Structure formats: structure tokens, C-alpha cells
């Protein structure tokens, strides 16, 4: 009985080693390496997309919580334009989230 058990254990280990060796040899061929590099590229692209999506969601959440203007171009108030960099601006040119009347009070 013991000899049969050791025979089966040895045969199973031999089959396992042959399968693992065959897989390793296939993975180290030109086609196998090309497949692995392609899979790595796909994985990196998926990771990049997930990170970008998470960044956009978090930024939107922070903008909403802090009351900042949404993404995109800031809107100008009533046709006024920003002052030149050297000139002192008397009034802010960008529209904020709060509404103001003509006197500039909130």
C-alpha cells in the first residue's frame, strides 16, 4: 500500500513538473513574450483609465463641496474683460458661484 501511494505521489509530481516546464518554455518563446507584453499594455491602459476616472470624480466632488466653478472656461461677467497684467483691477472679472447685484453686494 505504501509503495502505491509513493508511486502515485511521484507520478503526480512528475506530471506537474512537466506541465509547469512546458508552460514556462511556451512563455519564453517570441509569441509568448509578445502576448505577455500585450497583456501588460492592456493592463496599464486599464489602470490609467481607472486612475483618470477617479481623479475626475474626486475633483468634481471637491469643486462641488468648495463651491468652485465647474470645469471648462470661466464665464465673464456682463462683457467685461480682465485687466492687463500690469494694471490694477478694480473689480473681479470672473463670475463666482454667488450672485451679485449691480452695486456689487451679495
Protein backbone atom coordinates (compact mmCIF):
# COMPACT_ATOMS: atom_id res chain seq x y z
CA UNK A 1 0.00 0.00 0.00
CA UNK A 2 2.78 2.44 0.89
CA UNK A 3 4.62 1.76 -2.35
CA UNK A 4 1.49 2.52 -4.38
CA UNK A 5 0.99 5.81 -2.52
CA UNK A 6 4.58 6.90 -3.15
CA UNK A 7 4.30 5.82 -6.79
CA UNK A 8 1.19 7.99 -7.28
CA UNK A 9 2.81 10.92 -5.46
CA UNK A 10 5.91 10.66 -7.66
CA UNK A 11 3.85 10.33 -10.86
CA UNK A 12 1.73 13.35 -9.87
CA UNK A 13 4.83 15.42 -9.12
CA UNK A 14 6.35 14.41 -12.47
CA UNK A 15 3.21 15.39 -14.39
CA UNK A 16 3.02 18.69 -12.50
CA UNK A 17 6.70 19.45 -13.27
CA UNK A 18 6.23 18.60 -16.96
CA UNK A 19 3.18 20.86 -17.29
CA UNK A 20 4.90 23.75 -15.49
CA UNK A 21 8.02 23.29 -17.62
CA UNK A 22 6.02 23.25 -20.83
CA UNK A 23 4.17 26.44 -19.79
CA UNK A 24 7.44 28.18 -18.92
CA UNK A 25 9.01 27.14 -22.23
CA UNK A 26 5.97 28.43 -24.15
CA UNK A 27 6.01 31.70 -22.22
CA UNK A 28 9.65 32.32 -23.14
CA UNK A 29 9.11 31.96 -26.89
CA UNK A 30 8.77 35.04 -29.11
CA UNK A 31 4.99 34.64 -29.36
CA UNK A 32 4.65 34.06 -25.62
CA UNK A 33 6.67 37.16 -24.76
CA UNK A 34 4.68 39.20 -27.28
CA UNK A 35 1.43 38.03 -25.67
CA UNK A 36 2.68 38.90 -22.19
CA UNK A 37 3.79 42.38 -23.29
CA UNK A 38 0.42 42.93 -24.98
CA UNK A 39 -1.37 41.90 -21.79
CA UNK A 40 0.86 44.24 -19.77
CA UNK A 41 -0.02 47.11 -22.12
CA UNK A 42 -3.74 46.42 -21.79
CA UNK A 43 -3.43 46.25 -18.02
CA UNK A 44 -1.53 49.54 -17.90
CA UNK A 45 -4.15 51.21 -20.11
CA UNK A 46 -6.99 49.97 -17.89
CA UNK A 47 -5.16 51.18 -14.78
CA UNK A 48 -4.54 54.60 -16.38
CA UNK A 49 -8.22 54.93 -17.31
CA UNK A 50 -9.35 53.97 -13.80
CA UNK A 51 -6.99 56.50 -12.21
CA UNK A 52 -8.16 59.25 -14.61
CA UNK A 53 -11.81 58.46 -13.89
CA UNK A 54 -11.20 58.52 -10.13
CA UNK A 55 -9.32 61.81 -10.41
CA UNK A 56 -12.17 63.44 -12.35
CA UNK A 57 -14.77 62.17 -9.86
CA UNK A 58 -12.77 63.38 -6.87
CA UNK A 59 -12.09 66.77 -8.46
CA UNK A 60 -15.78 67.22 -9.24
CA UNK A 61 -16.67 66.26 -5.67
CA UNK A 62 -14.16 68.77 -4.27
CA UNK A 63 -15.34 71.53 -6.60
CA UNK A 64 -18.93 70.92 -5.53
CA UNK A 65 -18.03 70.85 -1.84
CA UNK A 66 -15.96 74.05 -2.07
CA UNK A 67 -18.44 75.87 -4.33
CA UNK A 68 -15.98 76.44 -7.17
CA UNK A 69 -16.89 76.98 -10.81
CA UNK A 70 -17.31 73.79 -12.82
CA UNK A 71 -14.77 72.53 -15.32
CA UNK A 72 -14.26 74.40 -18.55
CA UNK A 73 -13.81 78.07 -19.34
CA UNK A 74 -14.77 80.54 -16.64
CA UNK A 75 -17.61 82.81 -17.71
CA UNK A 76 -17.03 86.55 -17.86
CA UNK A 77 -19.49 88.92 -16.20
CA UNK A 78 -21.52 91.25 -18.43
CA UNK A 79 -18.99 91.57 -21.24
CA UNK A 80 -16.22 92.99 -19.03
CA UNK A 81 -12.78 91.62 -19.73
CA UNK A 82 -9.82 91.02 -17.49
CA UNK A 83 -7.46 93.92 -16.92
CA UNK A 84 -3.95 93.82 -18.33
CA UNK A 85 -1.38 92.12 -16.07
CA UNK A 86 0.30 95.45 -15.18
CA UNK A 87 -2.93 97.32 -14.45
CA UNK A 88 -4.73 97.15 -11.11
CA UNK A 89 -8.13 95.53 -11.46
CA UNK A 90 -10.92 97.38 -9.64
CA UNK A 91 -13.44 94.55 -9.95
CA UNK A 92 -13.01 90.80 -10.40
CA UNK A 93 -13.55 89.70 -13.99
CA UNK A 94 -14.54 86.09 -13.29
CA UNK A 95 -18.04 85.14 -12.27
CA UNK A 96 -18.20 83.30 -8.96
CA UNK A 97 -20.81 80.90 -7.71
CA UNK A 98 -22.57 83.55 -5.59
CA UNK A 99 -24.85 86.07 -7.30
CA UNK A 100 -24.22 89.81 -7.08
CA UNK A 101 -26.39 92.78 -7.97
CA UNK A 102 -25.28 95.98 -9.73
CA UNK A 103 -23.68 97.58 -6.63
CA UNK A 104 -21.56 94.51 -6.05
CA UNK A 105 -23.24 93.44 -2.80
CA UNK A 106 -24.14 89.87 -2.14
